[in-house]
Amino acid sequence: MTKYGSFPGARPRRLRTTPAMRRMVAEHRLHPADLILPAFVREGVSEPVPISAMPGVVQHTRDTLRKAAAEAAGAGVAGIMLFGVPEDAKKDALGTAGTDPDGILQVAIRDVRDEVGDDLVIMSDLCLDEYTDHGHCGVLDAAGRVDNDATLERYAEMAQVQADAGVHVVGPSGMMDGQIGVVRDALDQTGHEDVSVLAYTAKYSSAFYGPFREAVGSSLQGDRKTYQQDPANLRESLRELALDLEEGADMVMVKPALPYLDVLAKVADSVDVPVAAYQISGEYAMIEAAAEKGWIDRDKAILETLTGIKRAGANMILTYWATEVARGL
């Protein structure tokens, strides 16, 4: 038995004794305003289309997207990130459906803006991969490689039509060199100075994107390793960060979230702009699959992962559980 006086006076367990005590001394708390809901809207469907690898997530119709946006706003979710899924027949080498004012994403932005106005921050994915028949995030050259500078011209057009549709924030996600500066200039030159740019600053070439390919009906053959970041690299992310900030990024993002918490923490420590993290499709699918097997407690795992992402430094978290978690909070 320990003698009195010989045991250290500090007992951290005193602050863990009851739920009320743990709640009082918690260093980080999730709030609905931390959360952003990614949502897919598919052209030409009359009913939502379930995504097999992401139980509970669907490709929305225009009507069900409106409803999902209203529910998210009602739950206190901060924003919604929209992804358009065009009809296959409309895909081409240049991704022209992505710059068509009547393309599915632009139509969806207008729908959601009509539904929720400014009660929800409406964000849009600014990338070509959903709209190209080859599935890459940019225009290909004669050798089949992604042409960085030709792609930037397309991104400038996309920024304009998305802003014209009423988006609050554009999210250039293609990882082209110079994309933030080009998008910022395109917005400013077309009278959209108030539209913010969320830079996908550290977007890694990840195995965890698998279910997302189904979600957006990707036509990709091969991979995106020549433009998305190498998972082995951290310093490279900080270089990308410096460039994005210099080019005018209003917010920055790390994607995926859980495999790159070290990157997220380093980015958060380095900037004075809001930092986002995207809990991507593979992260979602792993938890849902393990929970379906009875291997983990689903609800506790969701909250634990989101808390970990916030603890690492994220001000905003894109997660497919956004509305569900916001309601619970």
C-alpha atoms as a PDB file:
ATOM      1  CA  MET A   1       0.000   0.000   0.000  1.00  0.00           C
ATOM      2  CA  THR A   2       1.279   3.470  -0.909  1.00  0.00           C
ATOM      3  CA  LYS A   3       2.247   5.596   2.072  1.00  0.00           C
ATOM      4  CA  TYR A   4       0.596   8.970   2.526  1.00  0.00           C
ATOM      5  CA  GLY A   5       2.653  11.798   1.126  1.00  0.00           C
ATOM      6  CA  SER A   6       4.680   9.679  -1.260  1.00  0.00           C
ATOM      7  CA  PHE A   7       2.155   9.684  -4.091  1.00  0.00           C
ATOM      8  CA  PRO A   8       2.190  12.643  -6.503  1.00  0.00           C
ATOM      9  CA  GLY A   9      -0.432  15.258  -5.719  1.00  0.00           C
ATOM     10  CA  ALA A  10      -1.414  15.570  -9.362  1.00  0.00           C
ATOM     11  CA  ARG A  11      -4.200  13.159 -10.288  1.00  0.00           C
ATOM     12  CA  PRO A  12      -5.486  13.885 -13.797  1.00  0.00           C
ATOM     13  CA  ARG A  13      -8.266  11.352 -13.254  1.00  0.00           C
ATOM     14  CA  ARG A  14     -10.015  13.866 -10.986  1.00  0.00           C
ATOM     15  CA  LEU A  15     -11.082  15.684 -14.137  1.00  0.00           C
ATOM     16  CA  ARG A  16     -12.616  12.531 -15.658  1.00  0.00           C
ATOM     17  CA  THR A  17     -14.874  11.461 -12.807  1.00  0.00           C
ATOM     18  CA  THR A  18     -18.314  12.229 -14.297  1.00  0.00           C
ATOM     19  CA  PRO A  19     -19.806  13.071 -17.665  1.00  0.00           C
ATOM     20  CA  ALA A  20     -20.480  16.604 -16.439  1.00  0.00           C
ATOM     21  CA  MET A  21     -16.869  17.010 -15.348  1.00  0.00           C
ATOM     22  CA  ARG A  22     -15.534  15.692 -18.656  1.00  0.00           C
ATOM     23  CA  ARG A  23     -17.865  17.989 -20.561  1.00  0.00           C
ATOM     24  CA  MET A  24     -16.804  20.999 -18.508  1.00  0.00           C
ATOM     25  CA  VAL A  25     -13.069  20.539 -19.114  1.00  0.00           C
ATOM     26  CA  ALA A  26     -13.278  19.393 -22.751  1.00  0.00           C
ATOM     27  CA  GLU A  27     -10.683  21.206 -24.834  1.00  0.00           C
ATOM     28  CA  HIS A  28     -12.524  20.846 -28.141  1.00  0.00           C
ATOM     29  CA  ARG A  29     -16.220  20.768 -28.932  1.00  0.00           C
ATOM     30  CA  LEU A  30     -18.002  20.027 -32.161  1.00  0.00           C
ATOM     31  CA  HIS A  31     -20.650  22.508 -33.215  1.00  0.00           C
ATOM     32  CA  PRO A  32     -23.081  22.320 -36.146  1.00  0.00           C
ATOM     33  CA  ALA A  33     -21.424  25.417 -37.607  1.00  0.00           C
ATOM     34  CA  ASP A  34     -18.195  23.416 -37.964  1.00  0.00           C
ATOM     35  CA  LEU A  35     -19.820  21.109 -40.501  1.00  0.00           C
ATOM     36  CA  ILE A  36     -20.254  21.214 -44.270  1.00  0.00           C
ATOM     37  CA  LEU A  37     -22.362  18.680 -46.166  1.00  0.00           C
ATOM     38  CA  PRO A  38     -21.022  17.374 -49.502  1.00  0.00           C
ATOM     39  CA  ALA A  39     -23.939  16.549 -51.816  1.00  0.00           C
ATOM     40  CA  PHE A  40     -24.265  15.037 -55.283  1.00  0.00           C
ATOM     41  CA  VAL A  41     -26.963  15.972 -57.787  1.00  0.00           C
ATOM     42  CA  ARG A  42     -27.486  13.826 -60.855  1.00  0.00           C
ATOM     43  CA  GLU A  43     -28.944  14.983 -64.113  1.00  0.00           C
ATOM     44  CA  GLY A  44     -31.905  13.179 -65.635  1.00  0.00           C
ATOM     45  CA  VAL A  45     -33.083  11.084 -62.667  1.00  0.00           C
ATOM     46  CA  SER A  46     -36.555  11.145 -61.121  1.00  0.00           C
ATOM     47  CA  GLU A  47     -35.593   9.372 -57.891  1.00  0.00           C
ATOM     48  CA  PRO A  48     -32.465   9.548 -55.723  1.00  0.00           C
ATOM     49  CA  VAL A  49     -29.861   6.966 -56.722  1.00  0.00           C
ATOM     50  CA  PRO A  50     -28.209   5.162 -53.787  1.00  0.00           C
ATOM     51  CA  ILE A  51     -24.402   4.976 -53.788  1.00  0.00           C
ATOM     52  CA  SER A  52     -23.614   1.360 -52.998  1.00  0.00           C
ATOM     53  CA  ALA A  53     -20.258   1.994 -51.323  1.00  0.00           C
ATOM     54  CA  MET A  54     -21.656   4.828 -49.196  1.00  0.00           C
ATOM     55  CA  PRO A  55     -24.761   3.559 -47.373  1.00  0.00           C
ATOM     56  CA  GLY A  56     -27.133   6.414 -46.671  1.00  0.00           C
ATOM     57  CA  VAL A  57     -25.666   8.719 -49.334  1.00  0.00           C
ATOM     58  CA  VAL A  58     -27.387   9.250 -52.684  1.00  0.00           C
ATOM     59  CA  GLN A  59     -27.105  11.048 -55.964  1.00  0.00           C
ATOM     60  CA  HIS A  60     -29.920  13.548 -55.525  1.00  0.00           C
ATOM     61  CA  THR A  61     -32.565  14.705 -57.897  1.00  0.00           C
ATOM     62  CA  ARG A  62     -32.982  18.457 -58.084  1.00  0.00           C
ATOM     63  CA  ASP A  63     -35.989  18.240 -55.767  1.00  0.00           C
ATOM     64  CA  THR A  64     -34.365  16.016 -53.152  1.00  0.00           C
ATOM     65  CA  LEU A  65     -31.268  18.215 -53.195  1.00  0.00           C
ATOM     66  CA  ARG A  66     -33.446  21.170 -52.285  1.00  0.00           C
ATOM     67  CA  LYS A  67     -34.875  19.168 -49.392  1.00  0.00           C
ATOM     68  CA  ALA A  68     -31.408  18.062 -48.219  1.00  0.00           C
ATOM     69  CA  ALA A  69     -30.190  21.656 -48.288  1.00  0.00           C
ATOM     70  CA  ALA A  70     -33.163  22.853 -46.275  1.00  0.00           C
ATOM     71  CA  GLU A  71     -32.654  20.074 -43.725  1.00  0.00           C
ATOM     72  CA  ALA A  72     -28.966  20.920 -43.401  1.00  0.00           C
ATOM     73  CA  ALA A  73     -29.752  24.592 -42.864  1.00  0.00           C
ATOM     74  CA  GLY A  74     -32.431  23.701 -40.318  1.00  0.00           C
ATOM     75  CA  ALA A  75     -29.948  21.578 -38.375  1.00  0.00           C
ATOM     76  CA  GLY A  76     -27.466  24.446 -38.196  1.00  0.00           C
ATOM     77  CA  VAL A  77     -24.965  23.033 -40.693  1.00  0.00           C
ATOM     78  CA  ALA A  78     -22.729  25.807 -41.996  1.00  0.00           C
ATOM     79  CA  GLY A  79     -22.486  24.943 -45.671  1.00  0.00           C
ATOM     80  CA  ILE A  80     -23.135  22.546 -48.520  1.00  0.00           C
ATOM     81  CA  MET A  81     -20.555  21.530 -51.139  1.00  0.00           C
ATOM     82  CA  LEU A  82     -22.242  20.647 -54.428  1.00  0.00           C
ATOM     83  CA  PHE A  83     -21.019  18.162 -57.012  1.00  0.00           C
ATOM     84  CA  GLY A  84     -22.772  17.787 -60.353  1.00  0.00           C
ATOM     85  CA  VAL A  85     -23.200  14.455 -62.127  1.00  0.00           C
ATOM     86  CA  PRO A  86     -24.094  15.030 -65.798  1.00  0.00           C
ATOM     87  CA  GLU A  87     -25.607  12.519 -68.186  1.00  0.00           C
ATOM     88  CA  ASP A  88     -22.903  10.373 -69.786  1.00  0.00           C
ATOM     89  CA  ALA A  89     -23.850  11.603 -73.243  1.00  0.00           C
ATOM     90  CA  LYS A  90     -22.892  15.139 -72.232  1.00  0.00           C
ATOM     91  CA  LYS A  91     -19.325  14.267 -71.237  1.00  0.00           C
ATOM     92  CA  ASP A  92     -16.592  15.241 -73.664  1.00  0.00           C
ATOM     93  CA  ALA A  93     -12.859  15.830 -73.788  1.00  0.00           C
ATOM     94  CA  LEU A  94     -13.147  19.437 -72.585  1.00  0.00           C
ATOM     95  CA  GLY A  95     -15.824  18.929 -69.955  1.00  0.00           C
ATOM     96  CA  THR A  96     -18.062  21.502 -71.583  1.00  0.00           C
ATOM     97  CA  ALA A  97     -21.045  20.590 -69.370  1.00  0.00           C
ATOM     98  CA  GLY A  98     -19.050  22.077 -66.528  1.00  0.00           C
ATOM     99  CA  THR A  99     -19.129  25.526 -68.100  1.00  0.00           C
ATOM    100  CA  ASP A 100     -22.632  25.384 -69.542  1.00  0.00           C
ATOM    101  CA  PRO A 101     -24.789  27.913 -67.646  1.00  0.00           C
ATOM    102  CA  ASP A 102     -27.551  25.321 -67.832  1.00  0.00           C
ATOM    103  CA  GLY A 103     -25.296  22.434 -66.767  1.00  0.00           C
ATOM    104  CA  ILE A 104     -26.419  20.338 -63.839  1.00  0.00           C
ATOM    105  CA  LEU A 105     -24.131  21.956 -61.257  1.00  0.00           C
ATOM    106  CA  GLN A 106     -25.101  25.489 -62.205  1.00  0.00           C
ATOM    107  CA  VAL A 107     -28.773  24.551 -62.152  1.00  0.00           C
ATOM    108  CA  ALA A 108     -28.306  22.939 -58.737  1.00  0.00           C
ATOM    109  CA  ILE A 109     -26.592  26.043 -57.347  1.00  0.00           C
ATOM    110  CA  ARG A 110     -29.564  28.147 -58.439  1.00  0.00           C
ATOM    111  CA  ASP A 111     -31.990  25.626 -56.961  1.00  0.00           C
ATOM    112  CA  VAL A 112     -30.281  25.587 -53.599  1.00  0.00           C
ATOM    113  CA  ARG A 113     -29.883  29.359 -53.535  1.00  0.00           C
ATOM    114  CA  ASP A 114     -33.603  29.705 -54.219  1.00  0.00           C
ATOM    115  CA  GLU A 115     -34.357  27.233 -51.433  1.00  0.00           C
ATOM    116  CA  VAL A 116     -32.123  28.474 -48.620  1.00  0.00           C
ATOM    117  CA  GLY A 117     -30.838  31.868 -49.740  1.00  0.00           C
ATOM    118  CA  ASP A 118     -27.993  32.918 -47.496  1.00  0.00           C
ATOM    119  CA  ASP A 119     -28.978  30.611 -44.612  1.00  0.00           C
ATOM    120  CA  LEU A 120     -26.465  28.048 -45.869  1.00  0.00           C
ATOM    121  CA  VAL A 121     -23.071  28.763 -47.384  1.00  0.00           C
ATOM    122  CA  ILE A 122     -23.351  27.320 -50.888  1.00  0.00           C
ATOM    123  CA  MET A 123     -20.080  25.904 -52.165  1.00  0.00           C
ATOM    124  CA  SER A 124     -19.315  24.310 -55.512  1.00  0.00           C
ATOM    125  CA  ASP A 125     -16.706  21.864 -56.698  1.00  0.00           C
ATOM    126  CA  LEU A 126     -14.667  23.607 -59.383  1.00  0.00           C
ATOM    127  CA  CYS A 127     -13.138  20.754 -61.351  1.00  0.00           C
ATOM    128  CA  LEU A 128     -13.572  19.033 -64.699  1.00  0.00           C
ATOM    129  CA  ASP A 129     -13.400  15.369 -63.718  1.00  0.00           C
ATOM    130  CA  GLU A 130     -17.170  14.894 -63.463  1.00  0.00           C
ATOM    131  CA  TYR A 131     -17.654  16.310 -66.961  1.00  0.00           C
ATOM    132  CA  THR A 132     -14.806  14.821 -69.030  1.00  0.00           C
ATOM    133  CA  ASP A 133     -15.134  11.565 -70.909  1.00  0.00           C
ATOM    134  CA  HIS A 134     -11.607  10.610 -69.812  1.00  0.00           C
ATOM    135  CA  GLY A 135     -12.308  11.393 -66.146  1.00  0.00           C
ATOM    136  CA  HIS A 136      -9.277  13.573 -65.520  1.00  0.00           C
ATOM    137  CA  CYS A 137      -9.440  16.914 -63.753  1.00  0.00           C
ATOM    138  CA  GLY A 138      -8.142  18.814 -66.755  1.00  0.00           C
ATOM    139  CA  VAL A 139      -7.730  19.046 -70.507  1.00  0.00           C
ATOM    140  CA  LEU A 140      -5.446  16.459 -72.080  1.00  0.00           C
ATOM    141  CA  ASP A 141      -2.674  17.251 -74.549  1.00  0.00           C
ATOM    142  CA  ALA A 142      -1.819  15.227 -77.660  1.00  0.00           C
ATOM    143  CA  ALA A 143       0.186  12.778 -75.567  1.00  0.00           C
ATOM    144  CA  GLY A 144      -2.702  12.168 -73.179  1.00  0.00           C
ATOM    145  CA  ARG A 145      -1.188  14.153 -70.298  1.00  0.00           C
ATOM    146  CA  VAL A 146      -3.096  16.765 -68.335  1.00  0.00           C
ATOM    147  CA  ASP A 147      -2.259  20.179 -69.798  1.00  0.00           C
ATOM    148  CA  ASN A 148      -1.964  22.464 -66.789  1.00  0.00           C
ATOM    149  CA  ASP A 149      -2.293  25.858 -68.495  1.00  0.00           C
ATOM    150  CA  ALA A 150      -5.055  24.857 -70.902  1.00  0.00           C
ATOM    151  CA  THR A 151      -6.935  23.514 -67.895  1.00  0.00           C
ATOM    152  CA  LEU A 152      -6.610  26.834 -66.093  1.00  0.00           C
ATOM    153  CA  GLU A 153      -8.505  28.523 -68.915  1.00  0.00           C
ATOM    154  CA  ARG A 154     -11.369  26.093 -68.376  1.00  0.00           C
ATOM    155  CA  TYR A 155     -11.284  26.705 -64.608  1.00  0.00           C
ATOM    156  CA  ALA A 156     -11.626  30.438 -65.192  1.00  0.00           C
ATOM    157  CA  GLU A 157     -14.779  29.790 -67.207  1.00  0.00           C
ATOM    158  CA  MET A 158     -16.128  27.457 -64.538  1.00  0.00           C
ATOM    159  CA  ALA A 159     -15.580  30.045 -61.834  1.00  0.00           C
ATOM    160  CA  GLN A 160     -17.577  32.604 -63.772  1.00  0.00           C
ATOM    161  CA  VAL A 161     -20.601  30.401 -64.489  1.00  0.00           C
ATOM    162  CA  GLN A 162     -20.718  29.054 -60.938  1.00  0.00           C
ATOM    163  CA  ALA A 163     -20.561  32.582 -59.551  1.00  0.00           C
ATOM    164  CA  ASP A 164     -23.217  33.732 -62.000  1.00  0.00           C
ATOM    165  CA  ALA A 165     -25.431  30.926 -60.683  1.00  0.00           C
ATOM    166  CA  GLY A 166     -25.170  32.335 -57.159  1.00  0.00           C
ATOM    167  CA  VAL A 167     -22.526  30.309 -55.358  1.00  0.00           C
ATOM    168  CA  HIS A 168     -20.935  31.798 -52.237  1.00  0.00           C
ATOM    169  CA  VAL A 169     -17.679  29.804 -52.371  1.00  0.00           C
ATOM    170  CA  VAL A 170     -15.872  28.006 -55.189  1.00  0.00           C
ATOM    171  CA  GLY A 171     -13.605  25.079 -54.405  1.00  0.00           C
ATOM    172  CA  PRO A 172     -10.929  24.541 -57.075  1.00  0.00           C
ATOM    173  CA  SER A 173     -10.004  20.896 -56.485  1.00  0.00           C
ATOM    174  CA  GLY A 174      -8.004  19.873 -59.546  1.00  0.00           C
ATOM    175  CA  MET A 175      -4.532  20.584 -58.097  1.00  0.00           C
ATOM    176  CA  MET A 176      -3.350  22.499 -61.148  1.00  0.00           C
ATOM    177  CA  ASP A 177      -0.421  24.849 -60.596  1.00  0.00           C
ATOM    178  CA  GLY A 178      -1.677  28.434 -60.466  1.00  0.00           C
ATOM    179  CA  GLN A 179      -5.351  27.539 -60.190  1.00  0.00           C
ATOM    180  CA  ILE A 180      -6.142  29.796 -57.229  1.00  0.00           C
ATOM    181  CA  GLY A 181      -4.706  32.911 -58.856  1.00  0.00           C
ATOM    182  CA  VAL A 182      -6.499  32.262 -62.128  1.00  0.00           C
ATOM    183  CA  VAL A 183      -9.828  31.609 -60.414  1.00  0.00           C
ATOM    184  CA  ARG A 184      -9.470  34.680 -58.198  1.00  0.00           C
ATOM    185  CA  ASP A 185      -8.722  36.866 -61.213  1.00  0.00           C
ATOM    186  CA  ALA A 186     -11.642  35.404 -63.162  1.00  0.00           C
ATOM    187  CA  LEU A 187     -14.034  36.144 -60.317  1.00  0.00           C
ATOM    188  CA  ASP A 188     -12.746  39.674 -59.782  1.00  0.00           C
ATOM    189  CA  GLN A 189     -12.826  40.543 -63.471  1.00  0.00           C
ATOM    190  CA  THR A 190     -16.461  39.467 -63.806  1.00  0.00           C
ATOM    191  CA  GLY A 191     -17.833  41.398 -60.848  1.00  0.00           C
ATOM    192  CA  HIS A 192     -17.757  38.534 -58.355  1.00  0.00           C
ATOM    193  CA  GLU A 193     -15.324  40.000 -55.843  1.00  0.00           C
ATOM    194  CA  ASP A 194     -17.461  38.738 -52.940  1.00  0.00           C
ATOM    195  CA  VAL A 195     -17.255  35.075 -53.959  1.00  0.00           C
ATOM    196  CA  SER A 196     -14.731  33.278 -51.758  1.00  0.00           C
ATOM    197  CA  VAL A 197     -12.154  30.719 -52.866  1.00  0.00           C
ATOM    198  CA  LEU A 198     -11.646  27.572 -50.814  1.00  0.00           C
ATOM    199  CA  ALA A 199      -8.318  26.147 -51.972  1.00  0.00           C
ATOM    200  CA  TYR A 200      -7.870  22.407 -52.037  1.00  0.00           C
ATOM    201  CA  THR A 201      -4.328  23.064 -50.887  1.00  0.00           C
ATOM    202  CA  ALA A 202      -3.184  19.608 -49.861  1.00  0.00           C
ATOM    203  CA  LYS A 203      -5.174  17.103 -51.895  1.00  0.00           C
ATOM    204  CA  TYR A 204      -3.427  13.775 -51.848  1.00  0.00           C
ATOM    205  CA  SER A 205      -3.552  10.968 -54.373  1.00  0.00           C
ATOM    206  CA  SER A 206      -5.393   8.622 -52.038  1.00  0.00           C
ATOM    207  CA  ALA A 207      -6.800   5.110 -52.068  1.00  0.00           C
ATOM    208  CA  PHE A 208      -9.675   6.413 -49.970  1.00  0.00           C
ATOM    209  CA  TYR A 209     -11.362   8.165 -52.922  1.00  0.00           C
ATOM    210  CA  GLY A 210     -12.730   4.866 -54.246  1.00  0.00           C
ATOM    211  CA  PRO A 211     -16.417   5.285 -53.329  1.00  0.00           C
ATOM    212  CA  PHE A 212     -16.388   8.886 -54.560  1.00  0.00           C
ATOM    213  CA  ARG A 213     -15.707   7.671 -58.095  1.00  0.00           C
ATOM    214  CA  GLU A 214     -19.065   5.907 -58.005  1.00  0.00           C
ATOM    215  CA  ALA A 215     -20.721   8.949 -56.438  1.00  0.00           C
ATOM    216  CA  VAL A 216     -19.775  11.231 -59.339  1.00  0.00           C
ATOM    217  CA  GLY A 217     -19.989   8.605 -62.076  1.00  0.00           C
ATOM    218  CA  SER A 218     -16.301   8.997 -62.859  1.00  0.00           C
ATOM    219  CA  SER A 219     -14.985   7.871 -66.237  1.00  0.00           C
ATOM    220  CA  LEU A 220     -11.384   7.857 -65.024  1.00  0.00           C
ATOM    221  CA  GLN A 221      -8.926   5.371 -66.450  1.00  0.00           C
ATOM    222  CA  GLY A 222      -5.558   5.327 -64.712  1.00  0.00           C
ATOM    223  CA  ASP A 223      -4.756   7.663 -61.820  1.00  0.00           C
ATOM    224  CA  ARG A 224      -4.097  11.289 -60.897  1.00  0.00           C
ATOM    225  CA  LYS A 225      -0.625  10.938 -59.459  1.00  0.00           C
ATOM    226  CA  THR A 226       0.901  13.570 -61.751  1.00  0.00           C
ATOM    227  CA  TYR A 227      -1.184  16.348 -60.211  1.00  0.00           C
ATOM    228  CA  GLN A 228      -2.497  15.207 -56.831  1.00  0.00           C
ATOM    229  CA  GLN A 229       0.071  15.096 -54.039  1.00  0.00           C
ATOM    230  CA  ASP A 230       2.234  12.144 -53.092  1.00  0.00           C
ATOM    231  CA  PRO A 231       1.112  10.687 -49.725  1.00  0.00           C
ATOM    232  CA  ALA A 232       4.762  10.513 -48.651  1.00  0.00           C
ATOM    233  CA  ASN A 233       5.229  14.295 -48.671  1.00  0.00           C
ATOM    234  CA  LEU A 234       4.536  16.937 -46.032  1.00  0.00           C
ATOM    235  CA  ARG A 235       6.880  19.797 -46.945  1.00  0.00           C
ATOM    236  CA  GLU A 236       5.331  19.828 -50.400  1.00  0.00           C
ATOM    237  CA  SER A 237       1.982  20.654 -48.791  1.00  0.00           C
ATOM    238  CA  LEU A 238       3.485  23.680 -47.091  1.00  0.00           C
ATOM    239  CA  ARG A 239       4.848  24.849 -50.423  1.00  0.00           C
ATOM    240  CA  GLU A 240       1.399  24.469 -51.969  1.00  0.00           C
ATOM    241  CA  LEU A 241      -0.020  26.349 -48.985  1.00  0.00           C
ATOM    242  CA  ALA A 242       2.313  29.306 -49.460  1.00  0.00           C
ATOM    243  CA  LEU A 243       1.449  29.493 -53.152  1.00  0.00           C
ATOM    244  CA  ASP A 244      -2.304  29.302 -52.575  1.00  0.00           C
ATOM    245  CA  LEU A 245      -2.193  32.085 -50.002  1.00  0.00           C
ATOM    246  CA  GLU A 246      -0.060  34.239 -52.268  1.00  0.00           C
ATOM    247  CA  GLU A 247      -2.557  33.705 -55.079  1.00  0.00           C
ATOM    248  CA  GLY A 248      -5.480  34.860 -52.946  1.00  0.00           C
ATOM    249  CA  ALA A 249      -7.051  31.839 -51.233  1.00  0.00           C
ATOM    250  CA  ASP A 250      -9.610  32.850 -48.598  1.00  0.00           C
ATOM    251  CA  MET A 251      -9.660  29.391 -46.994  1.00  0.00           C
ATOM    252  CA  VAL A 252      -7.524  26.276 -47.373  1.00  0.00           C
ATOM    253  CA  MET A 253      -8.236  22.563 -47.167  1.00  0.00           C
ATOM    254  CA  VAL A 254      -6.531  19.265 -46.440  1.00  0.00           C
ATOM    255  CA  LYS A 255      -8.030  16.192 -48.133  1.00  0.00           C
ATOM    256  CA  PRO A 256      -8.379  13.386 -47.030  1.00  0.00           C
ATOM    257  CA  ALA A 257      -8.635  14.083 -43.308  1.00  0.00           C
ATOM    258  CA  LEU A 258      -7.824  11.096 -41.101  1.00  0.00           C
ATOM    259  CA  PRO A 259      -4.719   9.752 -42.902  1.00  0.00           C
ATOM    260  CA  TYR A 260      -3.294  13.295 -42.980  1.00  0.00           C
ATOM    261  CA  LEU A 261      -3.944  14.714 -39.514  1.00  0.00           C
ATOM    262  CA  ASP A 262      -0.260  15.602 -39.234  1.00  0.00           C
ATOM    263  CA  VAL A 263      -0.535  17.681 -42.401  1.00  0.00           C
ATOM    264  CA  LEU A 264      -3.727  19.288 -41.134  1.00  0.00           C
ATOM    265  CA  ALA A 265      -2.078  20.229 -37.842  1.00  0.00           C
ATOM    266  CA  LYS A 266       0.952  21.703 -39.603  1.00  0.00           C
ATOM    267  CA  VAL A 267      -1.229  23.719 -41.987  1.00  0.00           C
ATOM    268  CA  ALA A 268      -3.430  24.977 -39.152  1.00  0.00           C
ATOM    269  CA  ASP A 269      -0.381  26.110 -37.201  1.00  0.00           C
ATOM    270  CA  SER A 270       0.983  27.972 -40.230  1.00  0.00           C
ATOM    271  CA  VAL A 271      -1.900  30.178 -41.366  1.00  0.00           C
ATOM    272  CA  ASP A 272      -4.283  32.897 -40.255  1.00  0.00           C
ATOM    273  CA  VAL A 273      -7.098  31.896 -42.620  1.00  0.00           C
ATOM    274  CA  PRO A 274      -9.820  29.308 -41.938  1.00  0.00           C
ATOM    275  CA  VAL A 275      -8.743  25.689 -42.434  1.00  0.00           C
ATOM    276  CA  ALA A 276     -11.023  22.946 -43.721  1.00  0.00           C
ATOM    277  CA  ALA A 277     -10.616  19.187 -43.800  1.00  0.00           C
ATOM    278  CA  TYR A 278     -12.609  16.739 -45.910  1.00  0.00           C
ATOM    279  CA  GLN A 279     -13.613  13.447 -44.313  1.00  0.00           C
ATOM    280  CA  ILE A 280     -13.847  11.657 -47.620  1.00  0.00           C
ATOM    281  CA  SER A 281     -15.877   8.807 -49.045  1.00  0.00           C
ATOM    282  CA  GLY A 282     -13.482   6.027 -48.061  1.00  0.00           C
ATOM    283  CA  GLU A 283     -13.350   7.247 -44.481  1.00  0.00           C
ATOM    284  CA  TYR A 284     -17.141   7.267 -44.404  1.00  0.00           C
ATOM    285  CA  ALA A 285     -17.389   3.838 -46.016  1.00  0.00           C
ATOM    286  CA  MET A 286     -14.951   2.217 -43.562  1.00  0.00           C
ATOM    287  CA  ILE A 287     -16.930   3.303 -40.522  1.00  0.00           C
ATOM    288  CA  GLU A 288     -20.288   2.384 -42.025  1.00  0.00           C
ATOM    289  CA  ALA A 289     -19.002  -1.033 -43.124  1.00  0.00           C
ATOM    290  CA  ALA A 290     -17.398  -1.840 -39.776  1.00  0.00           C
ATOM    291  CA  ALA A 291     -20.518  -0.703 -37.946  1.00  0.00           C
ATOM    292  CA  GLU A 292     -22.724  -2.825 -40.199  1.00  0.00           C
ATOM    293  CA  LYS A 293     -20.580  -5.804 -39.202  1.00  0.00           C
ATOM    294  CA  GLY A 294     -21.051  -4.931 -35.553  1.00  0.00           C
ATOM    295  CA  TRP A 295     -17.325  -4.381 -35.094  1.00  0.00           C
ATOM    296  CA  ILE A 296     -17.528  -0.787 -33.853  1.00  0.00           C
ATOM    297  CA  ASP A 297     -20.062   1.566 -32.309  1.00  0.00           C
ATOM    298  CA  ARG A 298     -21.080   3.659 -35.303  1.00  0.00           C
ATOM    299  CA  ASP A 299     -22.233   6.832 -33.563  1.00  0.00           C
ATOM    300  CA  LYS A 300     -19.294   6.974 -31.177  1.00  0.00           C
ATOM    301  CA  ALA A 301     -16.821   6.337 -34.001  1.00  0.00           C
ATOM    302  CA  ILE A 302     -18.308   9.155 -36.075  1.00  0.00           C
ATOM    303  CA  LEU A 303     -18.025  11.655 -33.231  1.00  0.00           C
ATOM    304  CA  GLU A 304     -14.537  10.471 -32.295  1.00  0.00           C
ATOM    305  CA  THR A 305     -13.205  10.916 -35.813  1.00  0.00           C
ATOM    306  CA  LEU A 306     -14.797  14.338 -36.220  1.00  0.00           C
ATOM    307  CA  THR A 307     -13.446  15.453 -32.854  1.00  0.00           C
ATOM    308  CA  GLY A 308      -9.997  14.253 -33.863  1.00  0.00           C
ATOM    309  CA  ILE A 309     -10.159  16.268 -37.080  1.00  0.00           C
ATOM    310  CA  LYS A 310     -11.182  19.369 -35.159  1.00  0.00           C
ATOM    311  CA  ARG A 311      -8.487  18.779 -32.529  1.00  0.00           C
ATOM    312  CA  ALA A 312      -5.885  18.640 -35.313  1.00  0.00           C
ATOM    313  CA  GLY A 313      -6.863  22.170 -36.311  1.00  0.00           C
ATOM    314  CA  ALA A 314      -9.814  22.147 -38.694  1.00  0.00           C
ATOM    315  CA  ASN A 315     -12.227  25.062 -38.409  1.00  0.00           C
ATOM    316  CA  MET A 316     -14.550  23.413 -40.926  1.00  0.00           C
ATOM    317  CA  ILE A 317     -15.145  19.732 -41.643  1.00  0.00           C
ATOM    318  CA  LEU A 318     -16.735  18.392 -44.804  1.00  0.00           C
ATOM    319  CA  THR A 319     -18.491  15.184 -43.836  1.00  0.00           C
ATOM    320  CA  TYR A 320     -21.355  13.142 -45.258  1.00  0.00           C
ATOM    321  CA  TRP A 321     -22.709  12.860 -41.706  1.00  0.00           C
ATOM    322  CA  ALA A 322     -23.002  16.653 -41.348  1.00  0.00           C
ATOM    323  CA  THR A 323     -26.789  16.926 -40.989  1.00  0.00           C
ATOM    324  CA  GLU A 324     -27.102  13.825 -38.813  1.00  0.00           C
ATOM    325  CA  VAL A 325     -24.328  14.942 -36.466  1.00  0.00           C
ATOM    326  CA  ALA A 326     -25.595  18.531 -36.334  1.00  0.00           C
ATOM    327  CA  ARG A 327     -29.003  17.302 -35.226  1.00  0.00           C
ATOM    328  CA  GLY A 328     -27.416  15.231 -32.484  1.00  0.00           C
ATOM    329  CA  LEU A 329     -25.322  18.128 -31.272  1.00  0.00           C
END
